[in-house]
Amino acid sequence: MNWSCAADAFDSTGKKIGVIPQLKCIGPFLQVIIHWAFYFVGIVALALILYAAIRLIVSRGDTKQVQEARQILTYALIGLIIVLTSIVLFYFITNIIGIKCIQNFGFDTCPAPTS
């Protein structure tokens, strides 16, 4: 993570004791959180799809088990489609509005509004 948004912290003698994150650190922090959240959602969706496939294979034609496996598969795919659609809509709306700097969660790189 890029912590260039943090300020140096000093003690009463002037000795540097570390860094203090500032408000403009929220953008990079959210970028990392959202990035890992998408990985997590993808892994969970893949695991559910594989689980449903295994249940479908193991069901050996039992209609109740086949129905349950298809239901799991359907819900996993619907969830994955919703997440992917939200990403596409986010990028589409920010391109239409013209504030592409939000796509990188770099709010400090957005130009200041003119009056």
PDB file of N, CA and C in Angstrom:
ATOM      1  N   MET A   1       0.845  -1.172   0.000  1.00  0.00           N
ATOM      2  CA  MET A   1       0.000   0.000   0.000  1.00  0.00           C
ATOM      3  C   MET A   1       0.890   1.234   0.000  1.00  0.00           C
ATOM      4  N   ASN A   2       0.484   2.234  -0.720  1.00  0.00           N
ATOM      5  CA  ASN A   2       1.224   3.471  -0.802  1.00  0.00           C
ATOM      6  C   ASN A   2       0.832   4.363   0.369  1.00  0.00           C
ATOM      7  N   TRP A   3       1.755   4.549   1.297  1.00  0.00           N
ATOM      8  CA  TRP A   3       1.469   5.378   2.462  1.00  0.00           C
ATOM      9  C   TRP A   3       2.076   6.761   2.312  1.00  0.00           C
ATOM     10  N   SER A   4       2.232   7.245   1.076  1.00  0.00           N
ATOM     11  CA  SER A   4       2.762   8.582   0.886  1.00  0.00           C
ATOM     12  C   SER A   4       1.795   9.630   1.402  1.00  0.00           C
ATOM     13  N   CYS A   5       0.580   9.226   1.710  1.00  0.00           N
ATOM     14  CA  CYS A   5      -0.413  10.153   2.236  1.00  0.00           C
ATOM     15  C   CYS A   5      -0.247  10.350   3.736  1.00  0.00           C
ATOM     16  N   ALA A   6       0.649   9.632   4.362  1.00  0.00           N
ATOM     17  CA  ALA A   6       0.844   9.739   5.802  1.00  0.00           C
ATOM     18  C   ALA A   6       1.866  10.831   6.111  1.00  0.00           C
ATOM     19  N   ALA A   7       1.712  11.457   7.252  1.00  0.00           N
ATOM     20  CA  ALA A   7       2.628  12.504   7.692  1.00  0.00           C
ATOM     21  C   ALA A   7       3.550  11.939   8.773  1.00  0.00           C
ATOM     22  N   ASP A   8       4.741  12.492   8.830  1.00  0.00           N
ATOM     23  CA  ASP A   8       5.683  12.069   9.867  1.00  0.00           C
ATOM     24  C   ASP A   8       5.215  12.558  11.235  1.00  0.00           C
ATOM     25  N   ALA A   9       5.419  11.734  12.251  1.00  0.00           N
ATOM     26  CA  ALA A   9       5.065  12.099  13.626  1.00  0.00           C
ATOM     27  C   ALA A   9       6.353  12.283  14.423  1.00  0.00           C
ATOM     28  N   PHE A  10       6.384  13.338  15.222  1.00  0.00           N
ATOM     29  CA  PHE A  10       7.569  13.654  16.015  1.00  0.00           C
ATOM     30  C   PHE A  10       7.184  13.766  17.483  1.00  0.00           C
ATOM     31  N   ASP A  11       8.139  13.428  18.363  1.00  0.00           N
ATOM     32  CA  ASP A  11       7.873  13.604  19.788  1.00  0.00           C
ATOM     33  C   ASP A  11       8.232  15.033  20.196  1.00  0.00           C
ATOM     34  N   SER A  12       8.170  15.306  21.475  1.00  0.00           N
ATOM     35  CA  SER A  12       8.391  16.681  21.957  1.00  0.00           C
ATOM     36  C   SER A  12       9.823  17.155  21.741  1.00  0.00           C
ATOM     37  N   THR A  13      10.774  16.225  21.563  1.00  0.00           N
ATOM     38  CA  THR A  13      12.169  16.616  21.336  1.00  0.00           C
ATOM     39  C   THR A  13      12.476  16.792  19.858  1.00  0.00           C
ATOM     40  N   GLY A  14      11.523  16.490  18.997  1.00  0.00           N
ATOM     41  CA  GLY A  14      11.739  16.632  17.559  1.00  0.00           C
ATOM     42  C   GLY A  14      12.210  15.354  16.894  1.00  0.00           C
ATOM     43  N   LYS A  15      12.269  14.265  17.652  1.00  0.00           N
ATOM     44  CA  LYS A  15      12.702  12.984  17.096  1.00  0.00           C
ATOM     45  C   LYS A  15      11.520  12.322  16.385  1.00  0.00           C
ATOM     46  N   LYS A  16      11.775  11.809  15.174  1.00  0.00           N
ATOM     47  CA  LYS A  16      10.706  11.148  14.411  1.00  0.00           C
ATOM     48  C   LYS A  16      10.362   9.820  15.089  1.00  0.00           C
ATOM     49  N   ILE A  17       9.067   9.624  15.359  1.00  0.00           N
ATOM     50  CA  ILE A  17       8.642   8.401  16.045  1.00  0.00           C
ATOM     51  C   ILE A  17       7.759   7.511  15.160  1.00  0.00           C
ATOM     52  N   GLY A  18       7.460   7.957  13.963  1.00  0.00           N
ATOM     53  CA  GLY A  18       6.649   7.143  13.059  1.00  0.00           C
ATOM     54  C   GLY A  18       5.855   8.000  12.101  1.00  0.00           C
ATOM     55  N   VAL A  19       4.798   7.434  11.590  1.00  0.00           N
ATOM     56  CA  VAL A  19       3.942   8.147  10.658  1.00  0.00           C
ATOM     57  C   VAL A  19       2.501   8.093  11.134  1.00  0.00           C
ATOM     58  N   ILE A  20       1.753   9.113  10.782  1.00  0.00           N
ATOM     59  CA  ILE A  20       0.341   9.196  11.131  1.00  0.00           C
ATOM     60  C   ILE A  20      -0.452   9.236   9.831  1.00  0.00           C
ATOM     61  N   PRO A  21      -1.313   8.251   9.602  1.00  0.00           N
ATOM     62  CA  PRO A  21      -2.138   8.304   8.396  1.00  0.00           C
ATOM     63  C   PRO A  21      -3.071   9.509   8.444  1.00  0.00           C
ATOM     64  N   GLN A  22      -3.229  10.148   7.300  1.00  0.00           N
ATOM     65  CA  GLN A  22      -4.120  11.294   7.204  1.00  0.00           C
ATOM     66  C   GLN A  22      -5.402  10.890   6.495  1.00  0.00           C
ATOM     67  N   LEU A  23      -6.339  11.822   6.409  1.00  0.00           N
ATOM     68  CA  LEU A  23      -7.630  11.541   5.798  1.00  0.00           C
ATOM     69  C   LEU A  23      -7.484  11.108   4.343  1.00  0.00           C
ATOM     70  N   LYS A  24      -6.481  11.628   3.653  1.00  0.00           N
ATOM     71  CA  LYS A  24      -6.321  11.249   2.250  1.00  0.00           C
ATOM     72  C   LYS A  24      -5.787   9.818   2.087  1.00  0.00           C
ATOM     73  N   CYS A  25      -5.509   9.126   3.195  1.00  0.00           N
ATOM     74  CA  CYS A  25      -5.120   7.715   3.138  1.00  0.00           C
ATOM     75  C   CYS A  25      -6.323   6.797   2.967  1.00  0.00           C
ATOM     76  N   ILE A  26      -7.526   7.329   3.122  1.00  0.00           N
ATOM     77  CA  ILE A  26      -8.719   6.502   3.019  1.00  0.00           C
ATOM     78  C   ILE A  26      -8.853   5.913   1.619  1.00  0.00           C
ATOM     79  N   GLY A  27      -8.543   6.693   0.591  1.00  0.00           N
ATOM     80  CA  GLY A  27      -8.639   6.213  -0.784  1.00  0.00           C
ATOM     81  C   GLY A  27      -7.798   4.975  -1.046  1.00  0.00           C
ATOM     82  N   PRO A  28      -6.476   5.039  -0.799  1.00  0.00           N
ATOM     83  CA  PRO A  28      -5.658   3.841  -1.009  1.00  0.00           C
ATOM     84  C   PRO A  28      -6.075   2.665  -0.131  1.00  0.00           C
ATOM     85  N   PHE A  29      -6.508   2.957   1.106  1.00  0.00           N
ATOM     86  CA  PHE A  29      -6.957   1.890   2.004  1.00  0.00           C
ATOM     87  C   PHE A  29      -8.192   1.196   1.436  1.00  0.00           C
ATOM     88  N   LEU A  30      -9.178   1.976   0.976  1.00  0.00           N
ATOM     89  CA  LEU A  30     -10.379   1.397   0.381  1.00  0.00           C
ATOM     90  C   LEU A  30     -10.056   0.621  -0.888  1.00  0.00           C
ATOM     91  N   GLN A  31      -9.092   1.113  -1.647  1.00  0.00           N
ATOM     92  CA  GLN A  31      -8.702   0.419  -2.870  1.00  0.00           C
ATOM     93  C   GLN A  31      -8.205  -0.985  -2.549  1.00  0.00           C
ATOM     94  N   VAL A  32      -7.388  -1.115  -1.525  1.00  0.00           N
ATOM     95  CA  VAL A  32      -6.867  -2.427  -1.136  1.00  0.00           C
ATOM     96  C   VAL A  32      -7.996  -3.315  -0.607  1.00  0.00           C
ATOM     97  N   ILE A  33      -8.873  -2.757   0.225  1.00  0.00           N
ATOM     98  CA  ILE A  33      -9.982  -3.539   0.786  1.00  0.00           C
ATOM     99  C   ILE A  33     -10.893  -4.054  -0.328  1.00  0.00           C
ATOM    100  N   ILE A  34     -11.262  -3.193  -1.252  1.00  0.00           N
ATOM    101  CA  ILE A  34     -12.154  -3.599  -2.344  1.00  0.00           C
ATOM    102  C   ILE A  34     -11.468  -4.605  -3.255  1.00  0.00           C
ATOM    103  N   HIS A  35     -10.186  -4.402  -3.511  1.00  0.00           N
ATOM    104  CA  HIS A  35      -9.412  -5.337  -4.335  1.00  0.00           C
ATOM    105  C   HIS A  35      -9.461  -6.744  -3.729  1.00  0.00           C
ATOM    106  N   TRP A  36      -9.200  -6.851  -2.435  1.00  0.00           N
ATOM    107  CA  TRP A  36      -9.208  -8.161  -1.789  1.00  0.00           C
ATOM    108  C   TRP A  36     -10.616  -8.719  -1.635  1.00  0.00           C
ATOM    109  N   ALA A  37     -11.605  -7.844  -1.507  1.00  0.00           N
ATOM    110  CA  ALA A  37     -12.993  -8.300  -1.420  1.00  0.00           C
ATOM    111  C   ALA A  37     -13.409  -8.974  -2.723  1.00  0.00           C
ATOM    112  N   PHE A  38     -12.980  -8.413  -3.857  1.00  0.00           N
ATOM    113  CA  PHE A  38     -13.300  -9.039  -5.136  1.00  0.00           C
ATOM    114  C   PHE A  38     -12.617 -10.395  -5.278  1.00  0.00           C
ATOM    115  N   TYR A  39     -11.381 -10.504  -4.811  1.00  0.00           N
ATOM    116  CA  TYR A  39     -10.716 -11.809  -4.812  1.00  0.00           C
ATOM    117  C   TYR A  39     -11.494 -12.803  -3.954  1.00  0.00           C
ATOM    118  N   PHE A  40     -11.900 -12.373  -2.774  1.00  0.00           N
ATOM    119  CA  PHE A  40     -12.635 -13.240  -1.859  1.00  0.00           C
ATOM    120  C   PHE A  40     -13.942 -13.710  -2.488  1.00  0.00           C
ATOM    121  N   VAL A  41     -14.694 -12.796  -3.092  1.00  0.00           N
ATOM    122  CA  VAL A  41     -15.966 -13.152  -3.728  1.00  0.00           C
ATOM    123  C   VAL A  41     -15.728 -14.145  -4.866  1.00  0.00           C
ATOM    124  N   GLY A  42     -14.690 -13.921  -5.646  1.00  0.00           N
ATOM    125  CA  GLY A  42     -14.377 -14.843  -6.739  1.00  0.00           C
ATOM    126  C   GLY A  42     -14.018 -16.232  -6.249  1.00  0.00           C
ATOM    127  N   ILE A  43     -13.238 -16.295  -5.186  1.00  0.00           N
ATOM    128  CA  ILE A  43     -12.848 -17.601  -4.631  1.00  0.00           C
ATOM    129  C   ILE A  43     -14.059 -18.325  -4.044  1.00  0.00           C
ATOM    130  N   VAL A  44     -14.921 -17.590  -3.335  1.00  0.00           N
ATOM    131  CA  VAL A  44     -16.119 -18.207  -2.757  1.00  0.00           C
ATOM    132  C   VAL A  44     -17.048 -18.708  -3.869  1.00  0.00           C
ATOM    133  N   ALA A  45     -17.223 -17.904  -4.913  1.00  0.00           N
ATOM    134  CA  ALA A  45     -18.081 -18.320  -6.029  1.00  0.00           C
ATOM    135  C   ALA A  45     -17.505 -19.567  -6.710  1.00  0.00           C
ATOM    136  N   LEU A  46     -16.194 -19.587  -6.930  1.00  0.00           N
ATOM    137  CA  LEU A  46     -15.568 -20.762  -7.541  1.00  0.00           C
ATOM    138  C   LEU A  46     -15.732 -21.987  -6.653  1.00  0.00           C
ATOM    139  N   ALA A  47     -15.556 -21.823  -5.350  1.00  0.00           N
ATOM    140  CA  ALA A  47     -15.709 -22.949  -4.427  1.00  0.00           C
ATOM    141  C   ALA A  47     -17.148 -23.471  -4.446  1.00  0.00           C
ATOM    142  N   LEU A  48     -18.121 -22.575  -4.466  1.00  0.00           N
ATOM    143  CA  LEU A  48     -19.524 -23.012  -4.508  1.00  0.00           C
ATOM    144  C   LEU A  48     -19.860 -23.705  -5.825  1.00  0.00           C
ATOM    145  N   ILE A  49     -19.303 -23.216  -6.918  1.00  0.00           N
ATOM    146  CA  ILE A  49     -19.542 -23.857  -8.218  1.00  0.00           C
ATOM    147  C   ILE A  49     -18.945 -25.260  -8.230  1.00  0.00           C
ATOM    148  N   LEU A  50     -17.729 -25.402  -7.709  1.00  0.00           N
ATOM    149  CA  LEU A  50     -17.113 -26.733  -7.635  1.00  0.00           C
ATOM    150  C   LEU A  50     -17.882 -27.652  -6.689  1.00  0.00           C
ATOM    151  N   TYR A  51     -18.342 -27.115  -5.566  1.00  0.00           N
ATOM    152  CA  TYR A  51     -19.129 -27.899  -4.621  1.00  0.00           C
ATOM    153  C   TYR A  51     -20.418 -28.384  -5.272  1.00  0.00           C
ATOM    154  N   ALA A  52     -21.091 -27.501  -5.995  1.00  0.00           N
ATOM    155  CA  ALA A  52     -22.329 -27.888  -6.681  1.00  0.00           C
ATOM    156  C   ALA A  52     -22.054 -28.936  -7.745  1.00  0.00           C
ATOM    157  N   ALA A  53     -20.941 -28.800  -8.460  1.00  0.00           N
ATOM    158  CA  ALA A  53     -20.605 -29.783  -9.485  1.00  0.00           C
ATOM    159  C   ALA A  53     -20.331 -31.152  -8.874  1.00  0.00           C
ATOM    160  N   ILE A  54     -19.627 -31.174  -7.770  1.00  0.00           N
ATOM    161  CA  ILE A  54     -19.343 -32.447  -7.099  1.00  0.00           C
ATOM    162  C   ILE A  54     -20.638 -33.071  -6.585  1.00  0.00           C
ATOM    163  N   ARG A  55     -21.505 -32.251  -5.989  1.00  0.00           N
ATOM    164  CA  ARG A  55     -22.798 -32.779  -5.512  1.00  0.00           C
ATOM    165  C   ARG A  55     -23.633 -33.305  -6.665  1.00  0.00           C
ATOM    166  N   LEU A  56     -23.554 -32.650  -7.814  1.00  0.00           N
ATOM    167  CA  LEU A  56     -24.299 -33.103  -8.988  1.00  0.00           C
ATOM    168  C   LEU A  56     -23.782 -34.453  -9.475  1.00  0.00           C
ATOM    169  N   ILE A  57     -22.477 -34.611  -9.464  1.00  0.00           N
ATOM    170  CA  ILE A  57     -21.874 -35.873  -9.910  1.00  0.00           C
ATOM    171  C   ILE A  57     -22.188 -36.992  -8.920  1.00  0.00           C
ATOM    172  N   VAL A  58     -22.087 -36.696  -7.631  1.00  0.00           N
ATOM    173  CA  VAL A  58     -22.279 -37.709  -6.596  1.00  0.00           C
ATOM    174  C   VAL A  58     -23.754 -38.086  -6.438  1.00  0.00           C
ATOM    175  N   SER A  59     -24.657 -37.242  -6.906  1.00  0.00           N
ATOM    176  CA  SER A  59     -26.091 -37.482  -6.697  1.00  0.00           C
ATOM    177  C   SER A  59     -26.591 -38.749  -7.382  1.00  0.00           C
ATOM    178  N   ARG A  60     -25.926 -39.167  -8.432  1.00  0.00           N
ATOM    179  CA  ARG A  60     -26.274 -40.396  -9.169  1.00  0.00           C
ATOM    180  C   ARG A  60     -27.733 -40.405  -9.614  1.00  0.00           C
ATOM    181  N   GLY A  61     -28.223 -39.247 -10.007  1.00  0.00           N
ATOM    182  CA  GLY A  61     -29.566 -39.191 -10.573  1.00  0.00           C
ATOM    183  C   GLY A  61     -30.681 -38.989  -9.579  1.00  0.00           C
ATOM    184  N   ASP A  62     -30.378 -38.932  -8.290  1.00  0.00           N
ATOM    185  CA  ASP A  62     -31.412 -38.677  -7.290  1.00  0.00           C
ATOM    186  C   ASP A  62     -31.951 -37.266  -7.521  1.00  0.00           C
ATOM    187  N   THR A  63     -33.243 -37.162  -7.810  1.00  0.00           N
ATOM    188  CA  THR A  63     -33.812 -35.878  -8.224  1.00  0.00           C
ATOM    189  C   THR A  63     -33.697 -34.805  -7.146  1.00  0.00           C
ATOM    190  N   LYS A  64     -33.830 -35.175  -5.883  1.00  0.00           N
ATOM    191  CA  LYS A  64     -33.734 -34.186  -4.807  1.00  0.00           C
ATOM    192  C   LYS A  64     -32.312 -33.634  -4.708  1.00  0.00           C
ATOM    193  N   GLN A  65     -31.320 -34.496  -4.769  1.00  0.00           N
ATOM    194  CA  GLN A  65     -29.923 -34.048  -4.697  1.00  0.00           C
ATOM    195  C   GLN A  65     -29.527 -33.253  -5.933  1.00  0.00           C
ATOM    196  N   VAL A  66     -30.026 -33.650  -7.096  1.00  0.00           N
ATOM    197  CA  VAL A  66     -29.742 -32.908  -8.327  1.00  0.00           C
ATOM    198  C   VAL A  66     -30.344 -31.510  -8.234  1.00  0.00           C
ATOM    199  N   GLN A  67     -31.553 -31.415  -7.706  1.00  0.00           N
ATOM    200  CA  GLN A  67     -32.210 -30.122  -7.562  1.00  0.00           C
ATOM    201  C   GLN A  67     -31.444 -29.222  -6.587  1.00  0.00           C
ATOM    202  N   GLU A  68     -30.974 -29.779  -5.477  1.00  0.00           N
ATOM    203  CA  GLU A  68     -30.203 -28.994  -4.512  1.00  0.00           C
ATOM    204  C   GLU A  68     -28.883 -28.513  -5.116  1.00  0.00           C
ATOM    205  N   ALA A  69     -28.208 -29.376  -5.873  1.00  0.00           N
ATOM    206  CA  ALA A  69     -26.945 -28.990  -6.508  1.00  0.00           C
ATOM    207  C   ALA A  69     -27.174 -27.891  -7.543  1.00  0.00           C
ATOM    208  N   ARG A  70     -28.244 -28.012  -8.315  1.00  0.00           N
ATOM    209  CA  ARG A  70     -28.551 -26.965  -9.304  1.00  0.00           C
ATOM    210  C   ARG A  70     -28.896 -25.646  -8.623  1.00  0.00           C
ATOM    211  N   GLN A  71     -29.563 -25.723  -7.483  1.00  0.00           N
ATOM    212  CA  GLN A  71     -29.911 -24.509  -6.750  1.00  0.00           C
ATOM    213  C   GLN A  71     -28.647 -23.814  -6.233  1.00  0.00           C
ATOM    214  N   ILE A  72     -27.717 -24.574  -5.699  1.00  0.00           N
ATOM    215  CA  ILE A  72     -26.448 -24.007  -5.236  1.00  0.00           C
ATOM    216  C   ILE A  72     -25.710 -23.371  -6.405  1.00  0.00           C
ATOM    217  N   LEU A  73     -25.650 -24.068  -7.519  1.00  0.00           N
ATOM    218  CA  LEU A  73     -24.971 -23.558  -8.707  1.00  0.00           C
ATOM    219  C   LEU A  73     -25.639 -22.278  -9.202  1.00  0.00           C
ATOM    220  N   THR A  74     -26.951 -22.258  -9.220  1.00  0.00           N
ATOM    221  CA  THR A  74     -27.691 -21.077  -9.678  1.00  0.00           C
ATOM    222  C   THR A  74     -27.401 -19.878  -8.783  1.00  0.00           C
ATOM    223  N   TYR A  75     -27.455 -20.068  -7.473  1.00  0.00           N
ATOM    224  CA  TYR A  75     -27.218 -18.954  -6.552  1.00  0.00           C
ATOM    225  C   TYR A  75     -25.772 -18.456  -6.636  1.00  0.00           C
ATOM    226  N   ALA A  76     -24.826 -19.374  -6.798  1.00  0.00           N
ATOM    227  CA  ALA A  76     -23.424 -18.964  -6.924  1.00  0.00           C
ATOM    228  C   ALA A  76     -23.217 -18.140  -8.192  1.00  0.00           C
ATOM    229  N   LEU A  77     -23.803 -18.574  -9.283  1.00  0.00           N
ATOM    230  CA  LEU A  77     -23.658 -17.836 -10.536  1.00  0.00           C
ATOM    231  C   LEU A  77     -24.379 -16.490 -10.484  1.00  0.00           C
ATOM    232  N   ILE A  78     -25.551 -16.443  -9.870  1.00  0.00           N
ATOM    233  CA  ILE A  78     -26.270 -15.172  -9.739  1.00  0.00           C
ATOM    234  C   ILE A  78     -25.452 -14.187  -8.894  1.00  0.00           C
ATOM    235  N   GLY A  79     -24.890 -14.646  -7.806  1.00  0.00           N
ATOM    236  CA  GLY A  79     -24.054 -13.780  -6.970  1.00  0.00           C
ATOM    237  C   GLY A  79     -22.842 -13.270  -7.713  1.00  0.00           C
ATOM    238  N   LEU A  80     -22.191 -14.142  -8.470  1.00  0.00           N
ATOM    239  CA  LEU A  80     -21.022 -13.739  -9.251  1.00  0.00           C
ATOM    240  C   LEU A  80     -21.410 -12.722 -10.317  1.00  0.00           C
ATOM    241  N   ILE A  81     -22.534 -12.929 -10.966  1.00  0.00           N
ATOM    242  CA  ILE A  81     -23.002 -11.992 -11.989  1.00  0.00           C
ATOM    243  C   ILE A  81     -23.334 -10.636 -11.372  1.00  0.00           C
ATOM    244  N   ILE A  82     -23.930 -10.633 -10.195  1.00  0.00           N
ATOM    245  CA  ILE A  82     -24.252  -9.361  -9.520  1.00  0.00           C
ATOM    246  C   ILE A  82     -22.978  -8.585  -9.197  1.00  0.00           C
ATOM    247  N   VAL A  83     -21.965  -9.263  -8.697  1.00  0.00           N
ATOM    248  CA  VAL A  83     -20.709  -8.588  -8.358  1.00  0.00           C
ATOM    249  C   VAL A  83     -20.034  -8.055  -9.616  1.00  0.00           C
ATOM    250  N   LEU A  84     -19.970  -8.867 -10.659  1.00  0.00           N
ATOM    251  CA  LEU A  84     -19.336  -8.410 -11.901  1.00  0.00           C
ATOM    252  C   LEU A  84     -20.112  -7.267 -12.531  1.00  0.00           C
ATOM    253  N   THR A  85     -21.428  -7.313 -12.459  1.00  0.00           N
ATOM    254  CA  THR A  85     -22.246  -6.222 -12.986  1.00  0.00           C
ATOM    255  C   THR A  85     -22.017  -4.934 -12.204  1.00  0.00           C
ATOM    256  N   SER A  86     -21.857  -5.042 -10.895  1.00  0.00           N
ATOM    257  CA  SER A  86     -21.603  -3.838 -10.096  1.00  0.00           C
ATOM    258  C   SER A  86     -20.269  -3.197 -10.478  1.00  0.00           C
ATOM    259  N   ILE A  87     -19.265  -4.008 -10.772  1.00  0.00           N
ATOM    260  CA  ILE A  87     -17.974  -3.467 -11.199  1.00  0.00           C
ATOM    261  C   ILE A  87     -18.127  -2.748 -12.532  1.00  0.00           C
ATOM    262  N   VAL A  88     -18.806  -3.391 -13.481  1.00  0.00           N
ATOM    263  CA  VAL A  88     -18.993  -2.788 -14.800  1.00  0.00           C
ATOM    264  C   VAL A  88     -19.797  -1.491 -14.692  1.00  0.00           C
ATOM    265  N   LEU A  89     -20.861  -1.493 -13.894  1.00  0.00           N
ATOM    266  CA  LEU A  89     -21.662  -0.277 -13.719  1.00  0.00           C
ATOM    267  C   LEU A  89     -20.854   0.845 -13.076  1.00  0.00           C
ATOM    268  N   PHE A  90     -20.031   0.518 -12.111  1.00  0.00           N
ATOM    269  CA  PHE A  90     -19.195   1.520 -11.462  1.00  0.00           C
ATOM    270  C   PHE A  90     -18.294   2.203 -12.470  1.00  0.00           C
ATOM    271  N   TYR A  91     -17.582   1.419 -13.287  1.00  0.00           N
ATOM    272  CA  TYR A  91     -16.695   1.999 -14.285  1.00  0.00           C
ATOM    273  C   TYR A  91     -17.473   2.742 -15.367  1.00  0.00           C
ATOM    274  N   PHE A  92     -18.628   2.237 -15.760  1.00  0.00           N
ATOM    275  CA  PHE A  92     -19.449   2.886 -16.780  1.00  0.00           C
ATOM    276  C   PHE A  92     -19.943   4.246 -16.286  1.00  0.00           C
ATOM    277  N   ILE A  93     -20.463   4.292 -15.068  1.00  0.00           N
ATOM    278  CA  ILE A  93     -21.000   5.549 -14.530  1.00  0.00           C
ATOM    279  C   ILE A  93     -19.893   6.577 -14.331  1.00  0.00           C
ATOM    280  N   THR A  94     -18.740   6.156 -13.810  1.00  0.00           N
ATOM    281  CA  THR A  94     -17.657   7.123 -13.612  1.00  0.00           C
ATOM    282  C   THR A  94     -17.112   7.637 -14.936  1.00  0.00           C
ATOM    283  N   ASN A  95     -17.131   6.821 -15.986  1.00  0.00           N
ATOM    284  CA  ASN A  95     -16.711   7.303 -17.305  1.00  0.00           C
ATOM    285  C   ASN A  95     -17.733   8.277 -17.877  1.00  0.00           C
ATOM    286  N   ILE A  96     -19.018   7.996 -17.711  1.00  0.00           N
ATOM    287  CA  ILE A  96     -20.069   8.881 -18.217  1.00  0.00           C
ATOM    288  C   ILE A  96     -20.013  10.229 -17.501  1.00  0.00           C
ATOM    289  N   ILE A  97     -19.894  10.193 -16.172  1.00  0.00           N
ATOM    290  CA  ILE A  97     -19.879  11.426 -15.388  1.00  0.00           C
ATOM    291  C   ILE A  97     -18.586  12.203 -15.621  1.00  0.00           C
ATOM    292  N   GLY A  98     -17.514  11.492 -15.927  1.00  0.00           N
ATOM    293  CA  GLY A  98     -16.242  12.154 -16.198  1.00  0.00           C
ATOM    294  C   GLY A  98     -15.337  12.295 -14.993  1.00  0.00           C
ATOM    295  N   ILE A  99     -15.531  11.472 -13.981  1.00  0.00           N
ATOM    296  CA  ILE A  99     -14.662  11.523 -12.801  1.00  0.00           C
ATOM    297  C   ILE A  99     -13.906  10.201 -12.684  1.00  0.00           C
ATOM    298  N   LYS A 100     -13.037   9.983 -13.644  1.00  0.00           N
ATOM    299  CA  LYS A 100     -12.295   8.726 -13.698  1.00  0.00           C
ATOM    300  C   LYS A 100     -11.318   8.569 -12.546  1.00  0.00           C
ATOM    301  N   CYS A 101     -10.982   9.672 -11.877  1.00  0.00           N
ATOM    302  CA  CYS A 101     -10.036   9.575 -10.773  1.00  0.00           C
ATOM    303  C   CYS A 101     -10.610   8.749  -9.624  1.00  0.00           C
ATOM    304  N   ILE A 102     -11.926   8.649  -9.530  1.00  0.00           N
ATOM    305  CA  ILE A 102     -12.543   7.843  -8.476  1.00  0.00           C
ATOM    306  C   ILE A 102     -12.302   6.353  -8.725  1.00  0.00           C
ATOM    307  N   GLN A 103     -12.091   5.966  -9.982  1.00  0.00           N
ATOM    308  CA  GLN A 103     -11.877   4.556 -10.289  1.00  0.00           C
ATOM    309  C   GLN A 103     -10.654   4.011  -9.571  1.00  0.00           C
ATOM    310  N   ASN A 104      -9.675   4.833  -9.333  1.00  0.00           N
ATOM    311  CA  ASN A 104      -8.473   4.407  -8.614  1.00  0.00           C
ATOM    312  C   ASN A 104      -8.554   4.751  -7.148  1.00  0.00           C
ATOM    313  N   PHE A 105      -9.706   5.241  -6.712  1.00  0.00           N
ATOM    314  CA  PHE A 105      -9.899   5.675  -5.336  1.00  0.00           C
ATOM    315  C   PHE A 105      -8.846   6.699  -4.945  1.00  0.00           C
ATOM    316  N   GLY A 106      -8.428   7.487  -5.913  1.00  0.00           N
ATOM    317  CA  GLY A 106      -7.469   8.552  -5.656  1.00  0.00           C
ATOM    318  C   GLY A 106      -8.189   9.878  -5.615  1.00  0.00           C
ATOM    319  N   PHE A 107      -8.976  10.098  -4.590  1.00  0.00           N
ATOM    320  CA  PHE A 107      -9.781  11.305  -4.505  1.00  0.00           C
ATOM    321  C   PHE A 107      -8.917  12.560  -4.475  1.00  0.00           C
ATOM    322  N   ASP A 108      -7.684  12.430  -4.001  1.00  0.00           N
ATOM    323  CA  ASP A 108      -6.818  13.599  -3.966  1.00  0.00           C
ATOM    324  C   ASP A 108      -6.300  13.953  -5.354  1.00  0.00           C
ATOM    325  N   THR A 109      -6.491  13.087  -6.353  1.00  0.00           N
ATOM    326  CA  THR A 109      -6.038  13.390  -7.708  1.00  0.00           C
ATOM    327  C   THR A 109      -7.146  14.008  -8.547  1.00  0.00           C
ATOM    328  N   CYS A 110      -8.361  14.097  -8.016  1.00  0.00           N
ATOM    329  CA  CYS A 110      -9.456  14.730  -8.747  1.00  0.00           C
ATOM    330  C   CYS A 110      -9.214  16.232  -8.807  1.00  0.00           C
ATOM    331  N   PRO A 111      -9.505  16.849  -9.930  1.00  0.00           N
ATOM    332  CA  PRO A 111      -9.330  18.300  -9.990  1.00  0.00           C
ATOM    333  C   PRO A 111     -10.326  19.003  -9.087  1.00  0.00           C
ATOM    334  N   ALA A 112      -9.909  20.120  -8.562  1.00  0.00           N
ATOM    335  CA  ALA A 112     -10.790  20.894  -7.686  1.00  0.00           C
ATOM    336  C   ALA A 112     -11.939  21.472  -8.493  1.00  0.00           C
ATOM    337  N   PRO A 113     -13.141  21.492  -7.922  1.00  0.00           N
ATOM    338  CA  PRO A 113     -14.286  22.036  -8.664  1.00  0.00           C
ATOM    339  C   PRO A 113     -14.102  23.528  -8.883  1.00  0.00           C
ATOM    340  N   THR A 114     -14.511  23.961 -10.064  1.00  0.00           N
ATOM    341  CA  THR A 114     -14.433  25.394 -10.375  1.00  0.00           C
ATOM    342  C   THR A 114     -15.817  26.007 -10.232  1.00  0.00           C
ATOM    343  N   SER A 115     -15.837  27.225  -9.764  1.00  0.00           N
ATOM    344  CA  SER A 115     -17.144  27.857  -9.534  1.00  0.00           C
ATOM    345  C   SER A 115     -17.579  28.692 -10.702  1.00  0.00           C
TER     346      SER A 115
END
